[in-house]
Amino acid sequence: MTTAENDFQIISVVIPSINGDYAKLLFLTGTEYTKLKETAKSNRGKGERIFSLYAESNLFHDLSSETGCLTRKQFDELLKENYNSKMQKGRGGKLLKAVL
């Protein structure tokens, strides 16, 4: 998928150390998504400790082939504010935790 300023992308974001295998849906602008993909690509082969995982998805968390991972610092810079602003429930109706 090519992105531009007026495009948007839905992603599912998992933070295993905080919410296990539950994901939050985030909506990103094309510019935000391009930066996210470039940052995730720069992590390949570096052996960095992974904090979060993401994948392109739809409203039902049906994932596509575009995936990536971020370190804690990268997550804080790129997704933390958006992630914490979304209130989402996992199975059983329990709210997913925010990242402190």
C-alpha atoms as a PDB file:
ATOM      1  CA  MET A   1       0.000   0.000   0.000  1.00  0.00           C
ATOM      2  CA  THR A   2       1.329   3.402  -0.887  1.00  0.00           C
ATOM      3  CA  THR A   3       0.472   6.198   1.462  1.00  0.00           C
ATOM      4  CA  ALA A   4       0.166   9.927   1.145  1.00  0.00           C
ATOM      5  CA  GLU A   5      -0.746  12.761   3.470  1.00  0.00           C
ATOM      6  CA  ASN A   6      -4.478  12.302   2.947  1.00  0.00           C
ATOM      7  CA  ASP A   7      -4.423   8.508   3.339  1.00  0.00           C
ATOM      8  CA  PHE A   8      -4.919   6.622   6.552  1.00  0.00           C
ATOM      9  CA  GLN A   9      -4.099   3.161   7.779  1.00  0.00           C
ATOM     10  CA  ILE A  10      -5.625   1.005  10.505  1.00  0.00           C
ATOM     11  CA  ILE A  11      -3.159  -1.042  12.528  1.00  0.00           C
ATOM     12  CA  SER A  12      -3.460  -3.528  15.369  1.00  0.00           C
ATOM     13  CA  VAL A  13      -0.871  -2.924  18.097  1.00  0.00           C
ATOM     14  CA  VAL A  14       0.126  -5.558  20.653  1.00  0.00           C
ATOM     15  CA  ILE A  15       2.269  -4.892  23.715  1.00  0.00           C
ATOM     16  CA  PRO A  16       2.857  -8.365  25.156  1.00  0.00           C
ATOM     17  CA  SER A  17       4.424  -7.181  28.429  1.00  0.00           C
ATOM     18  CA  ILE A  18       1.374  -5.029  29.256  1.00  0.00           C
ATOM     19  CA  ASN A  19      -1.721  -6.510  27.605  1.00  0.00           C
ATOM     20  CA  GLY A  20      -0.608 -10.005  26.618  1.00  0.00           C
ATOM     21  CA  ASP A  21      -1.901 -10.928  23.180  1.00  0.00           C
ATOM     22  CA  TYR A  22      -4.702  -8.344  23.122  1.00  0.00           C
ATOM     23  CA  ALA A  23      -4.412  -5.631  20.490  1.00  0.00           C
ATOM     24  CA  LYS A  24      -5.680  -2.090  20.201  1.00  0.00           C
ATOM     25  CA  LEU A  25      -6.793  -0.644  16.883  1.00  0.00           C
ATOM     26  CA  LEU A  26      -5.133   2.623  15.933  1.00  0.00           C
ATOM     27  CA  PHE A  27      -5.843   4.933  13.003  1.00  0.00           C
ATOM     28  CA  LEU A  28      -2.759   6.597  11.530  1.00  0.00           C
ATOM     29  CA  THR A  29      -2.390   9.191   8.805  1.00  0.00           C
ATOM     30  CA  GLY A  30      -0.399   8.168   5.764  1.00  0.00           C
ATOM     31  CA  THR A  31       2.537  10.258   6.971  1.00  0.00           C
ATOM     32  CA  GLU A  32       2.463   8.664  10.445  1.00  0.00           C
ATOM     33  CA  TYR A  33       2.232   5.193   8.951  1.00  0.00           C
ATOM     34  CA  THR A  34       5.131   5.788   6.569  1.00  0.00           C
ATOM     35  CA  LYS A  35       7.311   6.918   9.495  1.00  0.00           C
ATOM     36  CA  LEU A  36       6.230   3.869  11.508  1.00  0.00           C
ATOM     37  CA  LYS A  37       7.155   1.485   8.681  1.00  0.00           C
ATOM     38  CA  GLU A  38      10.545   3.153   8.137  1.00  0.00           C
ATOM     39  CA  THR A  39      11.340   3.001  11.848  1.00  0.00           C
ATOM     40  CA  ALA A  40      10.315  -0.658  12.131  1.00  0.00           C
ATOM     41  CA  LYS A  41      12.361  -1.533   9.053  1.00  0.00           C
ATOM     42  CA  SER A  42      15.440   0.101  10.617  1.00  0.00           C
ATOM     43  CA  ASN A  43      15.194  -2.372  13.532  1.00  0.00           C
ATOM     44  CA  ARG A  44      15.780  -5.440  11.381  1.00  0.00           C
ATOM     45  CA  GLY A  45      18.950  -7.323  12.218  1.00  0.00           C
ATOM     46  CA  LYS A  46      19.944  -5.066  15.124  1.00  0.00           C
ATOM     47  CA  GLY A  47      18.984  -7.361  17.995  1.00  0.00           C
ATOM     48  CA  GLU A  48      17.122  -4.607  19.837  1.00  0.00           C
ATOM     49  CA  ARG A  49      14.699  -5.553  22.617  1.00  0.00           C
ATOM     50  CA  ILE A  50      11.202  -5.439  21.159  1.00  0.00           C
ATOM     51  CA  PHE A  51       8.435  -3.668  23.097  1.00  0.00           C
ATOM     52  CA  SER A  52       5.490  -3.603  20.692  1.00  0.00           C
ATOM     53  CA  LEU A  53       4.322  -5.302  17.529  1.00  0.00           C
ATOM     54  CA  TYR A  54       1.977  -3.967  14.863  1.00  0.00           C
ATOM     55  CA  ALA A  55       0.263  -5.202  11.730  1.00  0.00           C
ATOM     56  CA  GLU A  56      -1.932  -3.603   9.101  1.00  0.00           C
ATOM     57  CA  SER A  57      -5.487  -4.648   9.852  1.00  0.00           C
ATOM     58  CA  ASN A  58      -9.119  -3.805   9.494  1.00  0.00           C
ATOM     59  CA  LEU A  59     -11.775  -3.017  12.097  1.00  0.00           C
ATOM     60  CA  PHE A  60     -12.039  -6.719  12.962  1.00  0.00           C
ATOM     61  CA  HIS A  61      -8.286  -7.180  13.577  1.00  0.00           C
ATOM     62  CA  ASP A  62      -7.978  -9.184  10.348  1.00  0.00           C
ATOM     63  CA  LEU A  63      -4.258  -8.805   9.725  1.00  0.00           C
ATOM     64  CA  SER A  64      -2.501  -8.300   6.403  1.00  0.00           C
ATOM     65  CA  SER A  65       1.084  -9.054   5.492  1.00  0.00           C
ATOM     66  CA  GLU A  66       2.641  -5.732   6.579  1.00  0.00           C
ATOM     67  CA  THR A  67       4.024  -6.133  10.108  1.00  0.00           C
ATOM     68  CA  GLY A  68       6.739  -4.591  12.239  1.00  0.00           C
ATOM     69  CA  CYS A  69       8.061  -4.087  15.734  1.00  0.00           C
ATOM     70  CA  LEU A  70       9.277  -1.170  17.818  1.00  0.00           C
ATOM     71  CA  THR A  71      11.548  -0.644  20.796  1.00  0.00           C
ATOM     72  CA  ARG A  72      10.151   1.088  23.874  1.00  0.00           C
ATOM     73  CA  LYS A  73      11.724   4.426  22.921  1.00  0.00           C
ATOM     74  CA  GLN A  74      10.356   4.236  19.373  1.00  0.00           C
ATOM     75  CA  PHE A  75       6.886   3.286  20.658  1.00  0.00           C
ATOM     76  CA  ASP A  76       6.913   6.226  23.074  1.00  0.00           C
ATOM     77  CA  GLU A  77       7.821   8.631  20.258  1.00  0.00           C
ATOM     78  CA  LEU A  78       5.485   7.267  17.575  1.00  0.00           C
ATOM     79  CA  LEU A  79       2.454   5.563  19.125  1.00  0.00           C
ATOM     80  CA  LYS A  80       2.189   6.064  22.879  1.00  0.00           C
ATOM     81  CA  GLU A  81      -0.132   9.076  22.852  1.00  0.00           C
ATOM     82  CA  ASN A  82      -2.439   7.500  20.257  1.00  0.00           C
ATOM     83  CA  TYR A  83      -2.364   4.102  22.025  1.00  0.00           C
ATOM     84  CA  ASN A  84      -3.205   5.560  25.436  1.00  0.00           C
ATOM     85  CA  SER A  85      -6.009   7.723  24.049  1.00  0.00           C
ATOM     86  CA  LYS A  86      -7.957   4.656  22.887  1.00  0.00           C
ATOM     87  CA  MET A  87     -10.074   2.818  25.419  1.00  0.00           C
ATOM     88  CA  GLN A  88     -10.501  -0.715  24.215  1.00  0.00           C
ATOM     89  CA  LYS A  89     -11.686  -3.887  25.883  1.00  0.00           C
ATOM     90  CA  GLY A  90     -10.334  -7.394  25.617  1.00  0.00           C
ATOM     91  CA  ARG A  91     -12.287 -10.578  26.113  1.00  0.00           C
ATOM     92  CA  GLY A  92     -14.430 -10.518  29.205  1.00  0.00           C
ATOM     93  CA  GLY A  93     -14.962  -6.756  28.949  1.00  0.00           C
ATOM     94  CA  LYS A  94     -11.770  -5.823  30.800  1.00  0.00           C
ATOM     95  CA  LEU A  95     -10.184  -2.550  29.631  1.00  0.00           C
ATOM     96  CA  LEU A  96      -6.718  -2.858  28.147  1.00  0.00           C
ATOM     97  CA  LYS A  97      -4.029  -1.111  30.159  1.00  0.00           C
ATOM     98  CA  ALA A  98      -2.352   2.123  29.100  1.00  0.00           C
ATOM     99  CA  VAL A  99       1.418   2.455  28.747  1.00  0.00           C
ATOM    100  CA  LEU A 100       2.900   4.516  31.565  1.00  0.00           C
END
